[in-house]
Amino acid sequence: MTSDTSLPGVSSSGRRIRGCFLARPFQMPLSLRRTGFSSPIYADKADYCVIENGKVIGRIYEEWYTPPDLRWFWSVTAFHIDPPLEITANGRVPTLEEAKARFKSSWDRVRAASHQKEQQRL
């Protein structure tokens, strides 16, 4: 994802400016930041917050004591996700790259559903 501040009618927060239609929500690139939640003995354990626009929207971390095909856990934590939407909000995968890809796929679906709900209220 890339940010695009040149869209007409879009404020820097991604909100609709009066009289303009917002075609898609404003999005910033996702980034990972170490959580620091672990005790010093686990300082080398991979444990990340997923950040968008300066806000924590989820978490990805490695479980050392699980089978290799379930090693990485990812979770979208920023929104309550309505069960009828059938959007997977968390899961376990074998690699960090796959965890990031699954997280991004789910996050994109959450954002689209949230945007659609917002448009219905307008």
PDB file of N, CA and C in Angstrom:
ATOM      1  N   MET A   1       0.838  -1.180   0.000  1.00  0.00           N
ATOM      2  CA  MET A   1       0.000   0.000   0.000  1.00  0.00           C
ATOM      3  C   MET A   1       0.877   1.236   0.000  1.00  0.00           C
ATOM      4  N   THR A   2       0.434   2.231  -0.680  1.00  0.00           N
ATOM      5  CA  THR A   2       1.138   3.506  -0.654  1.00  0.00           C
ATOM      6  C   THR A   2       0.151   4.596  -0.304  1.00  0.00           C
ATOM      7  N   SER A   3       0.646   5.649   0.311  1.00  0.00           N
ATOM      8  CA  SER A   3      -0.232   6.769   0.631  1.00  0.00           C
ATOM      9  C   SER A   3      -0.384   7.647  -0.605  1.00  0.00           C
ATOM     10  N   ASP A   4      -1.551   8.251  -0.719  1.00  0.00           N
ATOM     11  CA  ASP A   4      -1.801   9.124  -1.863  1.00  0.00           C
ATOM     12  C   ASP A   4      -2.564  10.335  -1.362  1.00  0.00           C
ATOM     13  N   THR A   5      -1.844  11.403  -1.053  1.00  0.00           N
ATOM     14  CA  THR A   5      -2.480  12.600  -0.515  1.00  0.00           C
ATOM     15  C   THR A   5      -2.982  13.515  -1.611  1.00  0.00           C
ATOM     16  N   SER A   6      -2.800  13.137  -2.884  1.00  0.00           N
ATOM     17  CA  SER A   6      -3.237  13.997  -3.967  1.00  0.00           C
ATOM     18  C   SER A   6      -4.658  13.695  -4.440  1.00  0.00           C
ATOM     19  N   LEU A   7      -5.342  12.760  -3.782  1.00  0.00           N
ATOM     20  CA  LEU A   7      -6.720  12.464  -4.177  1.00  0.00           C
ATOM     21  C   LEU A   7      -7.610  13.663  -3.880  1.00  0.00           C
ATOM     22  N   PRO A   8      -8.468  14.053  -4.815  1.00  0.00           N
ATOM     23  CA  PRO A   8      -9.357  15.179  -4.550  1.00  0.00           C
ATOM     24  C   PRO A   8     -10.383  14.812  -3.490  1.00  0.00           C
ATOM     25  N   GLY A   9     -10.610  15.724  -2.567  1.00  0.00           N
ATOM     26  CA  GLY A   9     -11.636  15.518  -1.555  1.00  0.00           C
ATOM     27  C   GLY A   9     -11.217  14.647  -0.396  1.00  0.00           C
ATOM     28  N   VAL A  10      -9.919  14.381  -0.242  1.00  0.00           N
ATOM     29  CA  VAL A  10      -9.448  13.510   0.825  1.00  0.00           C
ATOM     30  C   VAL A  10      -8.557  14.294   1.775  1.00  0.00           C
ATOM     31  N   SER A  11      -8.907  14.259   3.053  1.00  0.00           N
ATOM     32  CA  SER A  11      -8.040  14.887   4.047  1.00  0.00           C
ATOM     33  C   SER A  11      -6.918  13.924   4.387  1.00  0.00           C
ATOM     34  N   SER A  12      -5.934  14.385   5.145  1.00  0.00           N
ATOM     35  CA  SER A  12      -4.808  13.520   5.511  1.00  0.00           C
ATOM     36  C   SER A  12      -5.253  12.364   6.400  1.00  0.00           C
ATOM     37  N   SER A  13      -6.422  12.466   7.034  1.00  0.00           N
ATOM     38  CA  SER A  13      -6.920  11.364   7.860  1.00  0.00           C
ATOM     39  C   SER A  13      -7.713  10.362   7.037  1.00  0.00           C
ATOM     40  N   GLY A  14      -7.893  10.622   5.746  1.00  0.00           N
ATOM     41  CA  GLY A  14      -8.624   9.693   4.895  1.00  0.00           C
ATOM     42  C   GLY A  14     -10.128   9.897   4.933  1.00  0.00           C
ATOM     43  N   ARG A  15     -10.577  10.946   5.573  1.00  0.00           N
ATOM     44  CA  ARG A  15     -12.015  11.226   5.672  1.00  0.00           C
ATOM     45  C   ARG A  15     -12.506  12.011   4.464  1.00  0.00           C
ATOM     46  N   ARG A  16     -13.787  11.899   4.204  1.00  0.00           N
ATOM     47  CA  ARG A  16     -14.402  12.604   3.099  1.00  0.00           C
ATOM     48  C   ARG A  16     -14.523  14.084   3.447  1.00  0.00           C
ATOM     49  N   ILE A  17     -14.158  14.933   2.518  1.00  0.00           N
ATOM     50  CA  ILE A  17     -14.336  16.369   2.677  1.00  0.00           C
ATOM     51  C   ILE A  17     -15.689  16.711   2.075  1.00  0.00           C
ATOM     52  N   ARG A  18     -16.451  17.561   2.737  1.00  0.00           N
ATOM     53  CA  ARG A  18     -17.808  17.891   2.329  1.00  0.00           C
ATOM     54  C   ARG A  18     -17.898  18.152   0.829  1.00  0.00           C
ATOM     55  N   GLY A  19     -18.868  17.507   0.188  1.00  0.00           N
ATOM     56  CA  GLY A  19     -19.107  17.718  -1.234  1.00  0.00           C
ATOM     57  C   GLY A  19     -18.269  16.847  -2.150  1.00  0.00           C
ATOM     58  N   CYS A  20     -17.398  16.022  -1.609  1.00  0.00           N
ATOM     59  CA  CYS A  20     -16.545  15.168  -2.437  1.00  0.00           C
ATOM     60  C   CYS A  20     -16.789  13.707  -2.095  1.00  0.00           C
ATOM     61  N   PHE A  21     -16.671  12.839  -3.074  1.00  0.00           N
ATOM     62  CA  PHE A  21     -16.828  11.415  -2.861  1.00  0.00           C
ATOM     63  C   PHE A  21     -15.461  10.769  -2.683  1.00  0.00           C
ATOM     64  N   LEU A  22     -15.317   9.994  -1.633  1.00  0.00           N
ATOM     65  CA  LEU A  22     -14.065   9.292  -1.377  1.00  0.00           C
ATOM     66  C   LEU A  22     -14.137   7.915  -2.024  1.00  0.00           C
ATOM     67  N   ALA A  23     -13.328   7.681  -3.042  1.00  0.00           N
ATOM     68  CA  ALA A  23     -13.368   6.427  -3.777  1.00  0.00           C
ATOM     69  C   ALA A  23     -12.769   5.273  -2.975  1.00  0.00           C
ATOM     70  N   ARG A  24     -11.759   5.535  -2.161  1.00  0.00           N
ATOM     71  CA  ARG A  24     -11.156   4.492  -1.340  1.00  0.00           C
ATOM     72  C   ARG A  24     -10.570   5.136  -0.098  1.00  0.00           C
ATOM     73  N   PRO A  25     -10.488   4.389   0.999  1.00  0.00           N
ATOM     74  CA  PRO A  25      -9.928   4.977   2.211  1.00  0.00           C
ATOM     75  C   PRO A  25      -8.444   5.267   2.063  1.00  0.00           C
ATOM     76  N   PHE A  26      -7.985   6.302   2.726  1.00  0.00           N
ATOM     77  CA  PHE A  26      -6.569   6.664   2.742  1.00  0.00           C
ATOM     78  C   PHE A  26      -5.830   5.579   3.511  1.00  0.00           C
ATOM     79  N   GLN A  27      -4.744   5.080   2.954  1.00  0.00           N
ATOM     80  CA  GLN A  27      -4.005   4.012   3.605  1.00  0.00           C
ATOM     81  C   GLN A  27      -2.521   4.336   3.645  1.00  0.00           C
ATOM     82  N   MET A  28      -1.899   3.962   4.733  1.00  0.00           N
ATOM     83  CA  MET A  28      -0.456   4.102   4.903  1.00  0.00           C
ATOM     84  C   MET A  28       0.160   2.716   4.794  1.00  0.00           C
ATOM     85  N   PRO A  29       1.434   2.631   4.487  1.00  0.00           N
ATOM     86  CA  PRO A  29       2.091   1.320   4.472  1.00  0.00           C
ATOM     87  C   PRO A  29       2.066   0.693   5.871  1.00  0.00           C
ATOM     88  N   LEU A  30       1.951  -0.614   5.916  1.00  0.00           N
ATOM     89  CA  LEU A  30       2.008  -1.322   7.188  1.00  0.00           C
ATOM     90  C   LEU A  30       3.466  -1.523   7.567  1.00  0.00           C
ATOM     91  N   SER A  31       3.746  -1.455   8.847  1.00  0.00           N
ATOM     92  CA  SER A  31       5.110  -1.694   9.315  1.00  0.00           C
ATOM     93  C   SER A  31       5.067  -2.530  10.588  1.00  0.00           C
ATOM     94  N   LEU A  32       6.193  -3.142  10.904  1.00  0.00           N
ATOM     95  CA  LEU A  32       6.317  -3.947  12.114  1.00  0.00           C
ATOM     96  C   LEU A  32       7.233  -3.241  13.102  1.00  0.00           C
ATOM     97  N   ARG A  33       6.879  -3.345  14.388  1.00  0.00           N
ATOM     98  CA  ARG A  33       7.724  -2.806  15.453  1.00  0.00           C
ATOM     99  C   ARG A  33       7.770  -3.835  16.580  1.00  0.00           C
ATOM    100  N   ARG A  34       8.937  -4.099  17.098  1.00  0.00           N
ATOM    101  CA  ARG A  34       9.050  -5.062  18.201  1.00  0.00           C
ATOM    102  C   ARG A  34       8.182  -4.607  19.379  1.00  0.00           C
ATOM    103  N   THR A  35       7.497  -5.571  20.011  1.00  0.00           N
ATOM    104  CA  THR A  35       6.586  -5.226  21.097  1.00  0.00           C
ATOM    105  C   THR A  35       7.299  -4.912  22.396  1.00  0.00           C
ATOM    106  N   GLY A  36       8.354  -5.658  22.706  1.00  0.00           N
ATOM    107  CA  GLY A  36       9.015  -5.487  23.995  1.00  0.00           C
ATOM    108  C   GLY A  36       8.219  -6.096  25.138  1.00  0.00           C
ATOM    109  N   PHE A  37       7.212  -6.923  24.835  1.00  0.00           N
ATOM    110  CA  PHE A  37       6.364  -7.535  25.861  1.00  0.00           C
ATOM    111  C   PHE A  37       7.079  -8.647  26.619  1.00  0.00           C
ATOM    112  N   SER A  38       8.035  -9.288  25.975  1.00  0.00           N
ATOM    113  CA  SER A  38       8.695 -10.451  26.565  1.00  0.00           C
ATOM    114  C   SER A  38       9.683 -10.051  27.652  1.00  0.00           C
ATOM    115  N   SER A  39       9.938 -11.001  28.548  1.00  0.00           N
ATOM    116  CA  SER A  39      10.959 -10.765  29.557  1.00  0.00           C
ATOM    117  C   SER A  39      12.324 -10.791  28.873  1.00  0.00           C
ATOM    118  N   PRO A  40      13.360 -10.263  29.521  1.00  0.00           N
ATOM    119  CA  PRO A  40      14.689 -10.215  28.900  1.00  0.00           C
ATOM    120  C   PRO A  40      15.217 -11.581  28.439  1.00  0.00           C
ATOM    121  N   ILE A  41      14.788 -12.643  29.087  1.00  0.00           N
ATOM    122  CA  ILE A  41      15.253 -13.965  28.690  1.00  0.00           C
ATOM    123  C   ILE A  41      14.783 -14.327  27.277  1.00  0.00           C
ATOM    124  N   TYR A  42      13.678 -13.720  26.831  1.00  0.00           N
ATOM    125  CA  TYR A  42      13.146 -13.971  25.489  1.00  0.00           C
ATOM    126  C   TYR A  42      13.388 -12.796  24.547  1.00  0.00           C
ATOM    127  N   ALA A  43      14.414 -12.020  24.806  1.00  0.00           N
ATOM    128  CA  ALA A  43      14.681 -10.804  24.020  1.00  0.00           C
ATOM    129  C   ALA A  43      14.877 -11.094  22.536  1.00  0.00           C
ATOM    130  N   ASP A  44      15.329 -12.296  22.196  1.00  0.00           N
ATOM    131  CA  ASP A  44      15.536 -12.619  20.786  1.00  0.00           C
ATOM    132  C   ASP A  44      14.312 -13.240  20.133  1.00  0.00           C
ATOM    133  N   LYS A  45      13.207 -13.351  20.862  1.00  0.00           N
ATOM    134  CA  LYS A  45      11.962 -13.889  20.309  1.00  0.00           C
ATOM    135  C   LYS A  45      11.322 -12.847  19.398  1.00  0.00           C
ATOM    136  N   ALA A  46      10.896 -13.274  18.221  1.00  0.00           N
ATOM    137  CA  ALA A  46      10.262 -12.364  17.268  1.00  0.00           C
ATOM    138  C   ALA A  46       8.823 -12.108  17.701  1.00  0.00           C
ATOM    139  N   ASP A  47       8.518 -10.873  18.068  1.00  0.00           N
ATOM    140  CA  ASP A  47       7.193 -10.482  18.543  1.00  0.00           C
ATOM    141  C   ASP A  47       6.965  -9.041  18.107  1.00  0.00           C
ATOM    142  N   TYR A  48       6.020  -8.838  17.189  1.00  0.00           N
ATOM    143  CA  TYR A  48       5.843  -7.532  16.564  1.00  0.00           C
ATOM    144  C   TYR A  48       4.421  -6.998  16.690  1.00  0.00           C
ATOM    145  N   CYS A  49       4.314  -5.678  16.842  1.00  0.00           N
ATOM    146  CA  CYS A  49       3.049  -4.967  16.649  1.00  0.00           C
ATOM    147  C   CYS A  49       3.003  -4.577  15.172  1.00  0.00           C
ATOM    148  N   VAL A  50       1.833  -4.652  14.583  1.00  0.00           N
ATOM    149  CA  VAL A  50       1.655  -4.187  13.208  1.00  0.00           C
ATOM    150  C   VAL A  50       1.105  -2.769  13.302  1.00  0.00           C
ATOM    151  N   ILE A  51       1.760  -1.841  12.623  1.00  0.00           N
ATOM    152  CA  ILE A  51       1.443  -0.419  12.722  1.00  0.00           C
ATOM    153  C   ILE A  51       0.966   0.109  11.372  1.00  0.00           C
ATOM    154  N   GLU A  52      -0.117   0.912  11.408  1.00  0.00           N
ATOM    155  CA  GLU A  52      -0.550   1.664  10.232  1.00  0.00           C
ATOM    156  C   GLU A  52      -0.863   3.079  10.689  1.00  0.00           C
ATOM    157  N   ASN A  53      -0.275   4.054  10.026  1.00  0.00           N
ATOM    158  CA  ASN A  53      -0.523   5.449  10.339  1.00  0.00           C
ATOM    159  C   ASN A  53      -0.278   5.753  11.825  1.00  0.00           C
ATOM    160  N   GLY A  54       0.756   5.127  12.399  1.00  0.00           N
ATOM    161  CA  GLY A  54       1.111   5.380  13.787  1.00  0.00           C
ATOM    162  C   GLY A  54       0.270   4.660  14.820  1.00  0.00           C
ATOM    163  N   LYS A  55      -0.676   3.821  14.403  1.00  0.00           N
ATOM    164  CA  LYS A  55      -1.557   3.117  15.331  1.00  0.00           C
ATOM    165  C   LYS A  55      -1.342   1.616  15.239  1.00  0.00           C
ATOM    166  N   VAL A  56      -1.391   0.958  16.395  1.00  0.00           N
ATOM    167  CA  VAL A  56      -1.274  -0.500  16.424  1.00  0.00           C
ATOM    168  C   VAL A  56      -2.592  -1.096  15.937  1.00  0.00           C
ATOM    169  N   ILE A  57      -2.500  -1.940  14.913  1.00  0.00           N
ATOM    170  CA  ILE A  57      -3.705  -2.562  14.353  1.00  0.00           C
ATOM    171  C   ILE A  57      -3.679  -4.082  14.469  1.00  0.00           C
ATOM    172  N   GLY A  58      -2.553  -4.630  14.963  1.00  0.00           N
ATOM    173  CA  GLY A  58      -2.475  -6.074  15.093  1.00  0.00           C
ATOM    174  C   GLY A  58      -1.145  -6.514  15.655  1.00  0.00           C
ATOM    175  N   ARG A  59      -0.954  -7.820  15.599  1.00  0.00           N
ATOM    176  CA  ARG A  59       0.265  -8.398  16.163  1.00  0.00           C
ATOM    177  C   ARG A  59       0.662  -9.637  15.373  1.00  0.00           C
ATOM    178  N   ILE A  60       1.965  -9.847  15.248  1.00  0.00           N
ATOM    179  CA  ILE A  60       2.530 -11.048  14.637  1.00  0.00           C
ATOM    180  C   ILE A  60       3.675 -11.505  15.541  1.00  0.00           C
ATOM    181  N   TYR A  61       3.643 -12.777  15.926  1.00  0.00           N
ATOM    182  CA  TYR A  61       4.743 -13.273  16.747  1.00  0.00           C
ATOM    183  C   TYR A  61       5.024 -14.745  16.472  1.00  0.00           C
ATOM    184  N   GLU A  62       6.235 -15.152  16.851  1.00  0.00           N
ATOM    185  CA  GLU A  62       6.690 -16.518  16.648  1.00  0.00           C
ATOM    186  C   GLU A  62       6.506 -17.329  17.930  1.00  0.00           C
ATOM    187  N   GLU A  63       5.939 -18.518  17.778  1.00  0.00           N
ATOM    188  CA  GLU A  63       5.806 -19.467  18.884  1.00  0.00           C
ATOM    189  C   GLU A  63       6.892 -20.520  18.718  1.00  0.00           C
ATOM    190  N   TRP A  64       7.779 -20.625  19.669  1.00  0.00           N
ATOM    191  CA  TRP A  64       8.887 -21.566  19.553  1.00  0.00           C
ATOM    192  C   TRP A  64       8.473 -23.012  19.799  1.00  0.00           C
ATOM    193  N   TYR A  65       7.446 -23.222  20.584  1.00  0.00           N
ATOM    194  CA  TYR A  65       7.104 -24.574  21.022  1.00  0.00           C
ATOM    195  C   TYR A  65       5.874 -25.129  20.307  1.00  0.00           C
ATOM    196  N   THR A  66       5.730 -24.802  19.055  1.00  0.00           N
ATOM    197  CA  THR A  66       4.638 -25.328  18.244  1.00  0.00           C
ATOM    198  C   THR A  66       5.223 -26.048  17.032  1.00  0.00           C
ATOM    199  N   PRO A  67       4.425 -26.863  16.366  1.00  0.00           N
ATOM    200  CA  PRO A  67       4.918 -27.510  15.142  1.00  0.00           C
ATOM    201  C   PRO A  67       5.338 -26.450  14.113  1.00  0.00           C
ATOM    202  N   PRO A  68       6.324 -26.757  13.279  1.00  0.00           N
ATOM    203  CA  PRO A  68       6.833 -25.782  12.307  1.00  0.00           C
ATOM    204  C   PRO A  68       5.762 -25.186  11.387  1.00  0.00           C
ATOM    205  N   ASP A  69       4.729 -25.948  11.060  1.00  0.00           N
ATOM    206  CA  ASP A  69       3.697 -25.409  10.170  1.00  0.00           C
ATOM    207  C   ASP A  69       2.734 -24.466  10.888  1.00  0.00           C
ATOM    208  N   LEU A  70       2.881 -24.306  12.199  1.00  0.00           N
ATOM    209  CA  LEU A  70       2.040 -23.383  12.987  1.00  0.00           C
ATOM    210  C   LEU A  70       2.895 -22.365  13.747  1.00  0.00           C
ATOM    211  N   ARG A  71       4.114 -22.153  13.311  1.00  0.00           N
ATOM    212  CA  ARG A  71       5.096 -21.385  14.062  1.00  0.00           C
ATOM    213  C   ARG A  71       4.724 -19.911  14.270  1.00  0.00           C
ATOM    214  N   TRP A  72       4.136 -19.266  13.263  1.00  0.00           N
ATOM    215  CA  TRP A  72       3.866 -17.824  13.339  1.00  0.00           C
ATOM    216  C   TRP A  72       2.381 -17.561  13.528  1.00  0.00           C
ATOM    217  N   PHE A  73       2.062 -16.725  14.534  1.00  0.00           N
ATOM    218  CA  PHE A  73       0.678 -16.326  14.813  1.00  0.00           C
ATOM    219  C   PHE A  73       0.494 -14.876  14.379  1.00  0.00           C
ATOM    220  N   TRP A  74      -0.622 -14.588  13.705  1.00  0.00           N
ATOM    221  CA  TRP A  74      -0.944 -13.215  13.314  1.00  0.00           C
ATOM    222  C   TRP A  74      -2.374 -12.918  13.753  1.00  0.00           C
ATOM    223  N   SER A  75      -2.654 -11.655  14.054  1.00  0.00           N
ATOM    224  CA  SER A  75      -3.986 -11.269  14.500  1.00  0.00           C
ATOM    225  C   SER A  75      -4.260  -9.793  14.214  1.00  0.00           C
ATOM    226  N   VAL A  76      -5.425  -9.518  13.634  1.00  0.00           N
ATOM    227  CA  VAL A  76      -5.918  -8.145  13.475  1.00  0.00           C
ATOM    228  C   VAL A  76      -6.638  -7.804  14.771  1.00  0.00           C
ATOM    229  N   THR A  77      -6.226  -6.723  15.430  1.00  0.00           N
ATOM    230  CA  THR A  77      -6.803  -6.370  16.737  1.00  0.00           C
ATOM    231  C   THR A  77      -7.489  -5.006  16.752  1.00  0.00           C
ATOM    232  N   ALA A  78      -7.437  -4.255  15.676  1.00  0.00           N
ATOM    233  CA  ALA A  78      -7.914  -2.871  15.682  1.00  0.00           C
ATOM    234  C   ALA A  78      -9.431  -2.732  15.636  1.00  0.00           C
ATOM    235  N   PHE A  79     -10.130  -3.685  15.079  1.00  0.00           N
ATOM    236  CA  PHE A  79     -11.576  -3.580  14.918  1.00  0.00           C
ATOM    237  C   PHE A  79     -12.262  -4.828  15.440  1.00  0.00           C
ATOM    238  N   HIS A  80     -13.522  -4.663  15.873  1.00  0.00           N
ATOM    239  CA  HIS A  80     -14.380  -5.827  16.071  1.00  0.00           C
ATOM    240  C   HIS A  80     -14.848  -6.222  14.677  1.00  0.00           C
ATOM    241  N   ILE A  81     -14.696  -7.477  14.335  1.00  0.00           N
ATOM    242  CA  ILE A  81     -15.064  -7.932  13.000  1.00  0.00           C
ATOM    243  C   ILE A  81     -16.351  -8.739  13.107  1.00  0.00           C
ATOM    244  N   ASP A  82     -17.400  -8.268  12.441  1.00  0.00           N
ATOM    245  CA  ASP A  82     -18.686  -8.952  12.488  1.00  0.00           C
ATOM    246  C   ASP A  82     -18.566 -10.352  11.897  1.00  0.00           C
ATOM    247  N   PRO A  83     -19.001 -11.385  12.632  1.00  0.00           N
ATOM    248  CA  PRO A  83     -18.923 -12.755  12.114  1.00  0.00           C
ATOM    249  C   PRO A  83     -19.591 -12.961  10.752  1.00  0.00           C
ATOM    250  N   PRO A  84     -20.732 -12.298  10.452  1.00  0.00           N
ATOM    251  CA  PRO A  84     -21.338 -12.510   9.129  1.00  0.00           C
ATOM    252  C   PRO A  84     -20.434 -12.088   7.963  1.00  0.00           C
ATOM    253  N   LEU A  85     -19.443 -11.243   8.207  1.00  0.00           N
ATOM    254  CA  LEU A  85     -18.539 -10.828   7.140  1.00  0.00           C
ATOM    255  C   LEU A  85     -17.580 -11.936   6.735  1.00  0.00           C
ATOM    256  N   GLU A  86     -17.420 -12.930   7.608  1.00  0.00           N
ATOM    257  CA  GLU A  86     -16.552 -14.078   7.352  1.00  0.00           C
ATOM    258  C   GLU A  86     -15.124 -13.668   6.990  1.00  0.00           C
ATOM    259  N   ILE A  87     -14.607 -12.693   7.736  1.00  0.00           N
ATOM    260  CA  ILE A  87     -13.224 -12.260   7.559  1.00  0.00           C
ATOM    261  C   ILE A  87     -12.397 -12.915   8.665  1.00  0.00           C
ATOM    262  N   THR A  88     -11.377 -13.643   8.277  1.00  0.00           N
ATOM    263  CA  THR A  88     -10.497 -14.281   9.254  1.00  0.00           C
ATOM    264  C   THR A  88      -9.655 -13.199   9.922  1.00  0.00           C
ATOM    265  N   ALA A  89      -9.691 -13.158  11.248  1.00  0.00           N
ATOM    266  CA  ALA A  89      -8.992 -12.109  11.987  1.00  0.00           C
ATOM    267  C   ALA A  89      -7.674 -12.587  12.582  1.00  0.00           C
ATOM    268  N   ASN A  90      -7.405 -13.896  12.531  1.00  0.00           N
ATOM    269  CA  ASN A  90      -6.150 -14.412  13.063  1.00  0.00           C
ATOM    270  C   ASN A  90      -5.878 -15.791  12.491  1.00  0.00           C
ATOM    271  N   GLY A  91      -4.646 -16.235  12.661  1.00  0.00           N
ATOM    272  CA  GLY A  91      -4.293 -17.556  12.170  1.00  0.00           C
ATOM    273  C   GLY A  91      -2.854 -17.911  12.482  1.00  0.00           C
ATOM    274  N   ARG A  92      -2.483 -19.126  12.122  1.00  0.00           N
ATOM    275  CA  ARG A  92      -1.125 -19.634  12.322  1.00  0.00           C
ATOM    276  C   ARG A  92      -0.599 -20.149  10.995  1.00  0.00           C
ATOM    277  N   VAL A  93       0.642 -19.794  10.702  1.00  0.00           N
ATOM    278  CA  VAL A  93       1.282 -20.164   9.432  1.00  0.00           C
ATOM    279  C   VAL A  93       2.747 -20.509   9.695  1.00  0.00           C
ATOM    280  N   PRO A  94       3.430 -21.140   8.711  1.00  0.00           N
ATOM    281  CA  PRO A  94       4.810 -21.579   8.947  1.00  0.00           C
ATOM    282  C   PRO A  94       5.884 -20.493   8.895  1.00  0.00           C
ATOM    283  N   THR A  95       5.656 -19.375   8.191  1.00  0.00           N
ATOM    284  CA  THR A  95       6.730 -18.384   8.021  1.00  0.00           C
ATOM    285  C   THR A  95       6.253 -16.969   8.341  1.00  0.00           C
ATOM    286  N   LEU A  96       7.220 -16.119   8.650  1.00  0.00           N
ATOM    287  CA  LEU A  96       6.911 -14.711   8.889  1.00  0.00           C
ATOM    288  C   LEU A  96       6.348 -14.067   7.629  1.00  0.00           C
ATOM    289  N   GLU A  97       6.921 -14.366   6.477  1.00  0.00           N
ATOM    290  CA  GLU A  97       6.430 -13.775   5.223  1.00  0.00           C
ATOM    291  C   GLU A  97       4.971 -14.129   4.973  1.00  0.00           C
ATOM    292  N   GLU A  98       4.603 -15.385   5.230  1.00  0.00           N
ATOM    293  CA  GLU A  98       3.209 -15.791   5.040  1.00  0.00           C
ATOM    294  C   GLU A  98       2.299 -15.125   6.069  1.00  0.00           C
ATOM    295  N   ALA A  99       2.783 -14.968   7.299  1.00  0.00           N
ATOM    296  CA  ALA A  99       1.997 -14.278   8.330  1.00  0.00           C
ATOM    297  C   ALA A  99       1.724 -12.834   7.910  1.00  0.00           C
ATOM    298  N   LYS A 100       2.753 -12.165   7.371  1.00  0.00           N
ATOM    299  CA  LYS A 100       2.559 -10.785   6.909  1.00  0.00           C
ATOM    300  C   LYS A 100       1.568 -10.728   5.747  1.00  0.00           C
ATOM    301  N   ALA A 101       1.664 -11.666   4.832  1.00  0.00           N
ATOM    302  CA  ALA A 101       0.754 -11.680   3.678  1.00  0.00           C
ATOM    303  C   ALA A 101      -0.691 -11.950   4.110  1.00  0.00           C
ATOM    304  N   ARG A 102      -0.876 -12.902   5.006  1.00  0.00           N
ATOM    305  CA  ARG A 102      -2.234 -13.207   5.483  1.00  0.00           C
ATOM    306  C   ARG A 102      -2.802 -12.033   6.279  1.00  0.00           C
ATOM    307  N   PHE A 103      -1.953 -11.419   7.109  1.00  0.00           N
ATOM    308  CA  PHE A 103      -2.408 -10.258   7.874  1.00  0.00           C
ATOM    309  C   PHE A 103      -2.878  -9.160   6.921  1.00  0.00           C
ATOM    310  N   LYS A 104      -2.051  -8.840   5.940  1.00  0.00           N
ATOM    311  CA  LYS A 104      -2.388  -7.765   5.003  1.00  0.00           C
ATOM    312  C   LYS A 104      -3.662  -8.080   4.238  1.00  0.00           C
ATOM    313  N   SER A 105      -3.838  -9.314   3.809  1.00  0.00           N
ATOM    314  CA  SER A 105      -5.047  -9.704   3.090  1.00  0.00           C
ATOM    315  C   SER A 105      -6.290  -9.495   3.967  1.00  0.00           C
ATOM    316  N   SER A 106      -6.222  -9.945   5.209  1.00  0.00           N
ATOM    317  CA  SER A 106      -7.361  -9.762   6.115  1.00  0.00           C
ATOM    318  C   SER A 106      -7.584  -8.294   6.437  1.00  0.00           C
ATOM    319  N   TRP A 107      -6.499  -7.561   6.662  1.00  0.00           N
ATOM    320  CA  TRP A 107      -6.619  -6.133   6.976  1.00  0.00           C
ATOM    321  C   TRP A 107      -7.263  -5.373   5.817  1.00  0.00           C
ATOM    322  N   ASP A 108      -6.875  -5.702   4.595  1.00  0.00           N
ATOM    323  CA  ASP A 108      -7.491  -5.056   3.433  1.00  0.00           C
ATOM    324  C   ASP A 108      -8.993  -5.329   3.390  1.00  0.00           C
ATOM    325  N   ARG A 109      -9.399  -6.546   3.710  1.00  0.00           N
ATOM    326  CA  ARG A 109     -10.829  -6.890   3.736  1.00  0.00           C
ATOM    327  C   ARG A 109     -11.553  -6.155   4.859  1.00  0.00           C
ATOM    328  N   VAL A 110     -10.912  -6.043   6.032  1.00  0.00           N
ATOM    329  CA  VAL A 110     -11.504  -5.308   7.156  1.00  0.00           C
ATOM    330  C   VAL A 110     -11.691  -3.842   6.773  1.00  0.00           C
ATOM    331  N   ARG A 111     -10.661  -3.243   6.184  1.00  0.00           N
ATOM    332  CA  ARG A 111     -10.752  -1.839   5.769  1.00  0.00           C
ATOM    333  C   ARG A 111     -11.856  -1.632   4.740  1.00  0.00           C
ATOM    334  N   ALA A 112     -11.954  -2.520   3.761  1.00  0.00           N
ATOM    335  CA  ALA A 112     -12.989  -2.405   2.728  1.00  0.00           C
ATOM    336  C   ALA A 112     -14.382  -2.523   3.346  1.00  0.00           C
ATOM    337  N   ALA A 113     -14.574  -3.466   4.261  1.00  0.00           N
ATOM    338  CA  ALA A 113     -15.878  -3.642   4.914  1.00  0.00           C
ATOM    339  C   ALA A 113     -16.216  -2.424   5.766  1.00  0.00           C
ATOM    340  N   SER A 114     -15.231  -1.886   6.472  1.00  0.00           N
ATOM    341  CA  SER A 114     -15.446  -0.700   7.292  1.00  0.00           C
ATOM    342  C   SER A 114     -15.807   0.503   6.422  1.00  0.00           C
ATOM    343  N   HIS A 115     -15.098   0.647   5.304  1.00  0.00           N
ATOM    344  CA  HIS A 115     -15.365   1.747   4.375  1.00  0.00           C
ATOM    345  C   HIS A 115     -16.767   1.620   3.780  1.00  0.00           C
ATOM    346  N   GLN A 116     -17.146   0.411   3.399  1.00  0.00           N
ATOM    347  CA  GLN A 116     -18.477   0.192   2.824  1.00  0.00           C
ATOM    348  C   GLN A 116     -19.570   0.513   3.848  1.00  0.00           C
ATOM    349  N   LYS A 117     -19.374   0.116   5.084  1.00  0.00           N
ATOM    350  CA  LYS A 117     -20.335   0.405   6.145  1.00  0.00           C
ATOM    351  C   LYS A 117     -20.461   1.910   6.365  1.00  0.00           C
ATOM    352  N   GLU A 118     -19.317   2.600   6.327  1.00  0.00           N
ATOM    353  CA  GLU A 118     -19.313   4.060   6.494  1.00  0.00           C
ATOM    354  C   GLU A 118     -20.067   4.744   5.346  1.00  0.00           C
ATOM    355  N   GLN A 119     -19.865   4.258   4.131  1.00  0.00           N
ATOM    356  CA  GLN A 119     -20.546   4.829   2.966  1.00  0.00           C
ATOM    357  C   GLN A 119     -22.058   4.634   3.050  1.00  0.00           C
ATOM    358  N   GLN A 120     -22.515   3.518   3.611  1.00  0.00           N
ATOM    359  CA  GLN A 120     -23.938   3.259   3.749  1.00  0.00           C
ATOM    360  C   GLN A 120     -24.596   4.221   4.733  1.00  0.00           C
ATOM    361  N   ARG A 121     -23.810   4.688   5.716  1.00  0.00           N
ATOM    362  CA  ARG A 121     -24.348   5.638   6.696  1.00  0.00           C
ATOM    363  C   ARG A 121     -24.445   7.048   6.142  1.00  0.00           C
ATOM    364  N   LEU A 122     -23.703   7.360   5.083  1.00  0.00           N
ATOM    365  CA  LEU A 122     -23.701   8.737   4.535  1.00  0.00           C
ATOM    366  C   LEU A 122     -24.938   9.035   3.758  1.00  0.00           C
TER     367      LEU A 122
END
